[in-house]
Amino acid sequence: MKAKVTVTLKSGVLDPQGRAIEGALKSLGWKGVKGVRVGKSIELEVDEKDPQSAKAVVEKMCEKLLANPVTEKYQIEIITDR
């Protein structure tokens, strides 16, 4: 089963990469841009047969490796082949 994990910084955590991108976009002429936040997207496959089991396994992966629980939050999307 396929899963997509989106990891972003928690609100209140400074995002220097997002600020740099925001500044660059403004310097290129997009003046109305604000609040740029940068994250990461991770796609993976797990050997689980049902969506609930797959989500539970991926949740453990996020807690142990894929996201830093102190500064980041994550969303898990399970993609079924229906």
PDB file of N, CA and C in Angstrom:
ATOM      1  N   MET A   1       0.840  -1.154   0.000  1.00  0.00           N
ATOM      2  CA  MET A   1       0.000   0.000   0.000  1.00  0.00           C
ATOM      3  C   MET A   1       0.901   1.238   0.000  1.00  0.00           C
ATOM      4  N   LYS A   2       0.513   2.256  -0.738  1.00  0.00           N
ATOM      5  CA  LYS A   2       1.305   3.474  -0.839  1.00  0.00           C
ATOM      6  C   LYS A   2       0.865   4.486   0.210  1.00  0.00           C
ATOM      7  N   ALA A   3       1.838   5.269   0.670  1.00  0.00           N
ATOM      8  CA  ALA A   3       1.560   6.329   1.636  1.00  0.00           C
ATOM      9  C   ALA A   3       2.330   7.571   1.232  1.00  0.00           C
ATOM     10  N   LYS A   4       1.734   8.723   1.492  1.00  0.00           N
ATOM     11  CA  LYS A   4       2.393  10.001   1.281  1.00  0.00           C
ATOM     12  C   LYS A   4       2.393  10.742   2.609  1.00  0.00           C
ATOM     13  N   VAL A   5       3.580  11.155   3.045  1.00  0.00           N
ATOM     14  CA  VAL A   5       3.733  11.883   4.304  1.00  0.00           C
ATOM     15  C   VAL A   5       4.177  13.298   3.965  1.00  0.00           C
ATOM     16  N   THR A   6       3.472  14.275   4.496  1.00  0.00           N
ATOM     17  CA  THR A   6       3.860  15.671   4.342  1.00  0.00           C
ATOM     18  C   THR A   6       4.299  16.182   5.706  1.00  0.00           C
ATOM     19  N   VAL A   7       5.544  16.635   5.789  1.00  0.00           N
ATOM     20  CA  VAL A   7       6.121  17.114   7.045  1.00  0.00           C
ATOM     21  C   VAL A   7       6.336  18.618   6.921  1.00  0.00           C
ATOM     22  N   THR A   8       5.813  19.375   7.890  1.00  0.00           N
ATOM     23  CA  THR A   8       5.993  20.822   7.912  1.00  0.00           C
ATOM     24  C   THR A   8       6.373  21.259   9.322  1.00  0.00           C
ATOM     25  N   LEU A   9       6.943  22.448   9.398  1.00  0.00           N
ATOM     26  CA  LEU A   9       7.283  22.994  10.700  1.00  0.00           C
ATOM     27  C   LEU A   9       6.015  23.402  11.446  1.00  0.00           C
ATOM     28  N   LYS A  10       6.035  23.234  12.738  1.00  0.00           N
ATOM     29  CA  LYS A  10       4.913  23.675  13.559  1.00  0.00           C
ATOM     30  C   LYS A  10       4.838  25.196  13.510  1.00  0.00           C
ATOM     31  N   SER A  11       3.625  25.731  13.706  1.00  0.00           N
ATOM     32  CA  SER A  11       3.494  27.179  13.737  1.00  0.00           C
ATOM     33  C   SER A  11       4.290  27.703  14.926  1.00  0.00           C
ATOM     34  N   GLY A  12       4.913  28.835  14.745  1.00  0.00           N
ATOM     35  CA  GLY A  12       5.747  29.400  15.788  1.00  0.00           C
ATOM     36  C   GLY A  12       7.217  29.034  15.673  1.00  0.00           C
ATOM     37  N   VAL A  13       7.533  28.010  14.891  1.00  0.00           N
ATOM     38  CA  VAL A  13       8.924  27.620  14.666  1.00  0.00           C
ATOM     39  C   VAL A  13       9.445  28.442  13.485  1.00  0.00           C
ATOM     40  N   LEU A  14      10.563  29.109  13.672  1.00  0.00           N
ATOM     41  CA  LEU A  14      11.141  29.922  12.608  1.00  0.00           C
ATOM     42  C   LEU A  14      11.501  29.059  11.409  1.00  0.00           C
ATOM     43  N   ASP A  15      11.264  29.611  10.213  1.00  0.00           N
ATOM     44  CA  ASP A  15      11.539  28.899   8.969  1.00  0.00           C
ATOM     45  C   ASP A  15      12.455  29.757   8.096  1.00  0.00           C
ATOM     46  N   PRO A  16      13.779  29.690   8.318  1.00  0.00           N
ATOM     47  CA  PRO A  16      14.685  30.528   7.542  1.00  0.00           C
ATOM     48  C   PRO A  16      14.649  30.242   6.042  1.00  0.00           C
ATOM     49  N   GLN A  17      14.438  28.998   5.676  1.00  0.00           N
ATOM     50  CA  GLN A  17      14.357  28.659   4.253  1.00  0.00           C
ATOM     51  C   GLN A  17      13.112  29.291   3.633  1.00  0.00           C
ATOM     52  N   GLY A  18      12.013  29.243   4.345  1.00  0.00           N
ATOM     53  CA  GLY A  18      10.783  29.874   3.864  1.00  0.00           C
ATOM     54  C   GLY A  18      10.946  31.376   3.713  1.00  0.00           C
ATOM     55  N   ARG A  19      11.620  32.010   4.673  1.00  0.00           N
ATOM     56  CA  ARG A  19      11.849  33.466   4.601  1.00  0.00           C
ATOM     57  C   ARG A  19      12.742  33.811   3.415  1.00  0.00           C
ATOM     58  N   ALA A  20      13.752  32.982   3.142  1.00  0.00           N
ATOM     59  CA  ALA A  20      14.636  33.230   2.003  1.00  0.00           C
ATOM     60  C   ALA A  20      13.863  33.121   0.691  1.00  0.00           C
ATOM     61  N   ILE A  21      13.009  32.121   0.586  1.00  0.00           N
ATOM     62  CA  ILE A  21      12.198  31.956  -0.630  1.00  0.00           C
ATOM     63  C   ILE A  21      11.239  33.126  -0.775  1.00  0.00           C
ATOM     64  N   GLU A  22      10.613  33.535   0.314  1.00  0.00           N
ATOM     65  CA  GLU A  22       9.700  34.674   0.284  1.00  0.00           C
ATOM     66  C   GLU A  22      10.421  35.928  -0.210  1.00  0.00           C
ATOM     67  N   GLY A  23      11.611  36.184   0.318  1.00  0.00           N
ATOM     68  CA  GLY A  23      12.388  37.339  -0.118  1.00  0.00           C
ATOM     69  C   GLY A  23      12.754  37.274  -1.588  1.00  0.00           C
ATOM     70  N   ALA A  24      13.138  36.090  -2.043  1.00  0.00           N
ATOM     71  CA  ALA A  24      13.501  35.909  -3.449  1.00  0.00           C
ATOM     72  C   ALA A  24      12.297  36.131  -4.361  1.00  0.00           C
ATOM     73  N   LEU A  25      11.140  35.602  -3.963  1.00  0.00           N
ATOM     74  CA  LEU A  25       9.934  35.799  -4.777  1.00  0.00           C
ATOM     75  C   LEU A  25       9.575  37.282  -4.863  1.00  0.00           C
ATOM     76  N   LYS A  26       9.681  37.975  -3.752  1.00  0.00           N
ATOM     77  CA  LYS A  26       9.387  39.414  -3.754  1.00  0.00           C
ATOM     78  C   LYS A  26      10.369  40.168  -4.642  1.00  0.00           C
ATOM     79  N   SER A  27      11.650  39.782  -4.593  1.00  0.00           N
ATOM     80  CA  SER A  27      12.637  40.465  -5.429  1.00  0.00           C
ATOM     81  C   SER A  27      12.425  40.183  -6.915  1.00  0.00           C
ATOM     82  N   LEU A  28      11.731  39.085  -7.218  1.00  0.00           N
ATOM     83  CA  LEU A  28      11.413  38.753  -8.612  1.00  0.00           C
ATOM     84  C   LEU A  28      10.095  39.371  -9.071  1.00  0.00           C
ATOM     85  N   GLY A  29       9.469  40.145  -8.183  1.00  0.00           N
ATOM     86  CA  GLY A  29       8.282  40.877  -8.603  1.00  0.00           C
ATOM     87  C   GLY A  29       6.965  40.425  -7.993  1.00  0.00           C
ATOM     88  N   TRP A  30       6.951  39.321  -7.248  1.00  0.00           N
ATOM     89  CA  TRP A  30       5.706  38.864  -6.620  1.00  0.00           C
ATOM     90  C   TRP A  30       5.596  39.495  -5.236  1.00  0.00           C
ATOM     91  N   LYS A  31       5.116  40.711  -5.185  1.00  0.00           N
ATOM     92  CA  LYS A  31       5.099  41.506  -3.947  1.00  0.00           C
ATOM     93  C   LYS A  31       4.054  41.020  -2.941  1.00  0.00           C
ATOM     94  N   GLY A  32       3.011  40.362  -3.396  1.00  0.00           N
ATOM     95  CA  GLY A  32       1.929  39.948  -2.505  1.00  0.00           C
ATOM     96  C   GLY A  32       2.163  38.622  -1.801  1.00  0.00           C
ATOM     97  N   VAL A  33       3.362  38.090  -1.870  1.00  0.00           N
ATOM     98  CA  VAL A  33       3.666  36.793  -1.250  1.00  0.00           C
ATOM     99  C   VAL A  33       4.013  37.010   0.217  1.00  0.00           C
ATOM    100  N   LYS A  34       3.429  36.169   1.089  1.00  0.00           N
ATOM    101  CA  LYS A  34       3.807  36.226   2.505  1.00  0.00           C
ATOM    102  C   LYS A  34       3.514  34.884   3.166  1.00  0.00           C
ATOM    103  N   GLY A  35       4.171  34.663   4.276  1.00  0.00           N
ATOM    104  CA  GLY A  35       3.937  33.447   5.048  1.00  0.00           C
ATOM    105  C   GLY A  35       4.451  32.178   4.398  1.00  0.00           C
ATOM    106  N   VAL A  36       5.542  32.244   3.659  1.00  0.00           N
ATOM    107  CA  VAL A  36       6.089  31.056   2.985  1.00  0.00           C
ATOM    108  C   VAL A  36       6.673  30.113   4.035  1.00  0.00           C
ATOM    109  N   ARG A  37       6.266  28.856   3.982  1.00  0.00           N
ATOM    110  CA  ARG A  37       6.781  27.807   4.864  1.00  0.00           C
ATOM    111  C   ARG A  37       7.247  26.658   3.973  1.00  0.00           C
ATOM    112  N   VAL A  38       8.367  26.070   4.316  1.00  0.00           N
ATOM    113  CA  VAL A  38       8.930  24.984   3.526  1.00  0.00           C
ATOM    114  C   VAL A  38       8.780  23.682   4.303  1.00  0.00           C
ATOM    115  N   GLY A  39       8.440  22.613   3.604  1.00  0.00           N
ATOM    116  CA  GLY A  39       8.309  21.298   4.221  1.00  0.00           C
ATOM    117  C   GLY A  39       8.929  20.244   3.325  1.00  0.00           C
ATOM    118  N   LYS A  40       8.568  19.009   3.588  1.00  0.00           N
ATOM    119  CA  LYS A  40       9.056  17.919   2.753  1.00  0.00           C
ATOM    120  C   LYS A  40       7.933  16.914   2.535  1.00  0.00           C
ATOM    121  N   SER A  41       8.014  16.250   1.402  1.00  0.00           N
ATOM    122  CA  SER A  41       7.035  15.235   1.042  1.00  0.00           C
ATOM    123  C   SER A  41       7.770  13.916   0.864  1.00  0.00           C
ATOM    124  N   ILE A  42       7.255  12.871   1.494  1.00  0.00           N
ATOM    125  CA  ILE A  42       7.877  11.556   1.443  1.00  0.00           C
ATOM    126  C   ILE A  42       6.830  10.561   0.954  1.00  0.00           C
ATOM    127  N   GLU A  43       7.151   9.828  -0.095  1.00  0.00           N
ATOM    128  CA  GLU A  43       6.260   8.784  -0.593  1.00  0.00           C
ATOM    129  C   GLU A  43       6.928   7.441  -0.371  1.00  0.00           C
ATOM    130  N   LEU A  44       6.141   6.475   0.103  1.00  0.00           N
ATOM    131  CA  LEU A  44       6.695   5.151   0.358  1.00  0.00           C
ATOM    132  C   LEU A  44       5.619   4.093   0.222  1.00  0.00           C
ATOM    133  N   GLU A  45       6.051   2.844   0.148  1.00  0.00           N
ATOM    134  CA  GLU A  45       5.138   1.712   0.091  1.00  0.00           C
ATOM    135  C   GLU A  45       5.396   0.832   1.306  1.00  0.00           C
ATOM    136  N   VAL A  46       4.327   0.329   1.876  1.00  0.00           N
ATOM    137  CA  VAL A  46       4.427  -0.583   3.012  1.00  0.00           C
ATOM    138  C   VAL A  46       3.667  -1.862   2.692  1.00  0.00           C
ATOM    139  N   ASP A  47       4.109  -2.961   3.266  1.00  0.00           N
ATOM    140  CA  ASP A  47       3.482  -4.260   3.029  1.00  0.00           C
ATOM    141  C   ASP A  47       2.313  -4.480   3.981  1.00  0.00           C
ATOM    142  N   GLU A  48       1.339  -3.631   3.902  1.00  0.00           N
ATOM    143  CA  GLU A  48       0.131  -3.770   4.715  1.00  0.00           C
ATOM    144  C   GLU A  48      -1.057  -3.930   3.777  1.00  0.00           C
ATOM    145  N   LYS A  49      -2.065  -4.666   4.227  1.00  0.00           N
ATOM    146  CA  LYS A  49      -3.204  -4.958   3.366  1.00  0.00           C
ATOM    147  C   LYS A  49      -4.382  -4.000   3.550  1.00  0.00           C
ATOM    148  N   ASP A  50      -4.499  -3.388   4.719  1.00  0.00           N
ATOM    149  CA  ASP A  50      -5.626  -2.479   4.919  1.00  0.00           C
ATOM    150  C   ASP A  50      -5.111  -1.085   5.296  1.00  0.00           C
ATOM    151  N   PRO A  51      -5.878  -0.055   4.962  1.00  0.00           N
ATOM    152  CA  PRO A  51      -5.443   1.328   5.182  1.00  0.00           C
ATOM    153  C   PRO A  51      -5.144   1.669   6.640  1.00  0.00           C
ATOM    154  N   GLN A  52      -5.911   1.146   7.574  1.00  0.00           N
ATOM    155  CA  GLN A  52      -5.680   1.458   8.989  1.00  0.00           C
ATOM    156  C   GLN A  52      -4.336   0.914   9.473  1.00  0.00           C
ATOM    157  N   SER A  53      -4.002  -0.293   9.077  1.00  0.00           N
ATOM    158  CA  SER A  53      -2.711  -0.880   9.450  1.00  0.00           C
ATOM    159  C   SER A  53      -1.563  -0.114   8.803  1.00  0.00           C
ATOM    160  N   ALA A  54      -1.747   0.253   7.546  1.00  0.00           N
ATOM    161  CA  ALA A  54      -0.718   1.015   6.840  1.00  0.00           C
ATOM    162  C   ALA A  54      -0.486   2.355   7.527  1.00  0.00           C
ATOM    163  N   LYS A  55      -1.562   3.033   7.893  1.00  0.00           N
ATOM    164  CA  LYS A  55      -1.421   4.329   8.555  1.00  0.00           C
ATOM    165  C   LYS A  55      -0.717   4.181   9.904  1.00  0.00           C
ATOM    166  N   ALA A  56      -1.037   3.137  10.641  1.00  0.00           N
ATOM    167  CA  ALA A  56      -0.403   2.905  11.943  1.00  0.00           C
ATOM    168  C   ALA A  56       1.101   2.678  11.793  1.00  0.00           C
ATOM    169  N   VAL A  57       1.493   1.915  10.781  1.00  0.00           N
ATOM    170  CA  VAL A  57       2.914   1.645  10.548  1.00  0.00           C
ATOM    171  C   VAL A  57       3.638   2.935  10.153  1.00  0.00           C
ATOM    172  N   VAL A  58       3.039   3.702   9.256  1.00  0.00           N
ATOM    173  CA  VAL A  58       3.668   4.943   8.800  1.00  0.00           C
ATOM    174  C   VAL A  58       3.721   5.957   9.945  1.00  0.00           C
ATOM    175  N   GLU A  59       2.718   5.958  10.792  1.00  0.00           N
ATOM    176  CA  GLU A  59       2.713   6.855  11.965  1.00  0.00           C
ATOM    177  C   GLU A  59       3.928   6.559  12.856  1.00  0.00           C
ATOM    178  N   LYS A  60       4.215   5.290  13.068  1.00  0.00           N
ATOM    179  CA  LYS A  60       5.385   4.921  13.868  1.00  0.00           C
ATOM    180  C   LYS A  60       6.679   5.375  13.195  1.00  0.00           C
ATOM    181  N   MET A  61       6.727   5.268  11.865  1.00  0.00           N
ATOM    182  CA  MET A  61       7.902   5.726  11.123  1.00  0.00           C
ATOM    183  C   MET A  61       8.099   7.232  11.315  1.00  0.00           C
ATOM    184  N   CYS A  62       7.006   7.970  11.274  1.00  0.00           N
ATOM    185  CA  CYS A  62       7.076   9.423  11.466  1.00  0.00           C
ATOM    186  C   CYS A  62       7.575   9.767  12.860  1.00  0.00           C
ATOM    187  N   GLU A  63       7.057   9.069  13.848  1.00  0.00           N
ATOM    188  CA  GLU A  63       7.434   9.351  15.237  1.00  0.00           C
ATOM    189  C   GLU A  63       8.902   9.031  15.510  1.00  0.00           C
ATOM    190  N   LYS A  64       9.437   7.999  14.835  1.00  0.00           N
ATOM    191  CA  LYS A  64      10.804   7.564  15.115  1.00  0.00           C
ATOM    192  C   LYS A  64      11.860   8.173  14.198  1.00  0.00           C
ATOM    193  N   LEU A  65      11.476   8.548  12.952  1.00  0.00           N
ATOM    194  CA  LEU A  65      12.502   8.973  12.004  1.00  0.00           C
ATOM    195  C   LEU A  65      12.088  10.111  11.076  1.00  0.00           C
ATOM    196  N   LEU A  66      10.928  10.031  10.487  1.00  0.00           N
ATOM    197  CA  LEU A  66      10.588  10.935   9.387  1.00  0.00           C
ATOM    198  C   LEU A  66      10.307  12.368   9.814  1.00  0.00           C
ATOM    199  N   ALA A  67       9.890  12.582  11.057  1.00  0.00           N
ATOM    200  CA  ALA A  67       9.590  13.931  11.540  1.00  0.00           C
ATOM    201  C   ALA A  67      10.178  14.130  12.932  1.00  0.00           C
ATOM    202  N   ASN A  68      10.557  15.355  13.201  1.00  0.00           N
ATOM    203  CA  ASN A  68      11.035  15.717  14.539  1.00  0.00           C
ATOM    204  C   ASN A  68       9.819  16.216  15.322  1.00  0.00           C
ATOM    205  N   PRO A  69       9.335  15.452  16.300  1.00  0.00           N
ATOM    206  CA  PRO A  69       8.097  15.824  16.993  1.00  0.00           C
ATOM    207  C   PRO A  69       8.186  17.131  17.774  1.00  0.00           C
ATOM    208  N   VAL A  70       9.385  17.612  18.044  1.00  0.00           N
ATOM    209  CA  VAL A  70       9.541  18.863  18.776  1.00  0.00           C
ATOM    210  C   VAL A  70       9.230  20.060  17.879  1.00  0.00           C
ATOM    211  N   THR A  71       9.673  20.007  16.623  1.00  0.00           N
ATOM    212  CA  THR A  71       9.542  21.165  15.735  1.00  0.00           C
ATOM    213  C   THR A  71       8.644  20.944  14.527  1.00  0.00           C
ATOM    214  N   GLU A  72       8.290  19.693  14.242  1.00  0.00           N
ATOM    215  CA  GLU A  72       7.546  19.409  13.012  1.00  0.00           C
ATOM    216  C   GLU A  72       6.228  18.694  13.290  1.00  0.00           C
ATOM    217  N   LYS A  73       5.304  18.878  12.355  1.00  0.00           N
ATOM    218  CA  LYS A  73       4.051  18.125  12.358  1.00  0.00           C
ATOM    219  C   LYS A  73       3.976  17.379  11.024  1.00  0.00           C
ATOM    220  N   TYR A  74       3.133  16.380  10.951  1.00  0.00           N
ATOM    221  CA  TYR A  74       3.035  15.599   9.724  1.00  0.00           C
ATOM    222  C   TYR A  74       1.601  15.189   9.453  1.00  0.00           C
ATOM    223  N   GLN A  75       1.336  14.954   8.166  1.00  0.00           N
ATOM    224  CA  GLN A  75       0.054  14.423   7.719  1.00  0.00           C
ATOM    225  C   GLN A  75       0.342  13.171   6.896  1.00  0.00           C
ATOM    226  N   ILE A  76      -0.484  12.169   7.090  1.00  0.00           N
ATOM    227  CA  ILE A  76      -0.315  10.909   6.369  1.00  0.00           C
ATOM    228  C   ILE A  76      -1.519  10.703   5.465  1.00  0.00           C
ATOM    229  N   GLU A  77      -1.230  10.413   4.206  1.00  0.00           N
ATOM    230  CA  GLU A  77      -2.285  10.073   3.247  1.00  0.00           C
ATOM    231  C   GLU A  77      -2.010   8.661   2.756  1.00  0.00           C
ATOM    232  N   ILE A  78      -2.964   7.768   2.968  1.00  0.00           N
ATOM    233  CA  ILE A  78      -2.848   6.399   2.459  1.00  0.00           C
ATOM    234  C   ILE A  78      -3.530   6.349   1.114  1.00  0.00           C
ATOM    235  N   ILE A  79      -2.807   5.850   0.114  1.00  0.00           N
ATOM    236  CA  ILE A  79      -3.323   5.812  -1.253  1.00  0.00           C
ATOM    237  C   ILE A  79      -3.698   4.370  -1.576  1.00  0.00           C
ATOM    238  N   THR A  80      -4.975   4.128  -1.728  1.00  0.00           N
ATOM    239  CA  THR A  80      -5.460   2.788  -2.054  1.00  0.00           C
ATOM    240  C   THR A  80      -5.600   2.660  -3.560  1.00  0.00           C
ATOM    241  N   ASP A  81      -5.482   1.469  -4.065  1.00  0.00           N
ATOM    242  CA  ASP A  81      -5.557   1.204  -5.508  1.00  0.00           C
ATOM    243  C   ASP A  81      -6.965   0.823  -5.925  1.00  0.00           C
ATOM    244  N   ARG A  82      -7.931   1.593  -5.530  1.00  0.00           N
ATOM    245  CA  ARG A  82      -9.325   1.263  -5.891  1.00  0.00           C
ATOM    246  C   ARG A  82      -9.705   1.855  -7.197  1.00  0.00           C
TER     247      ARG A  82
END
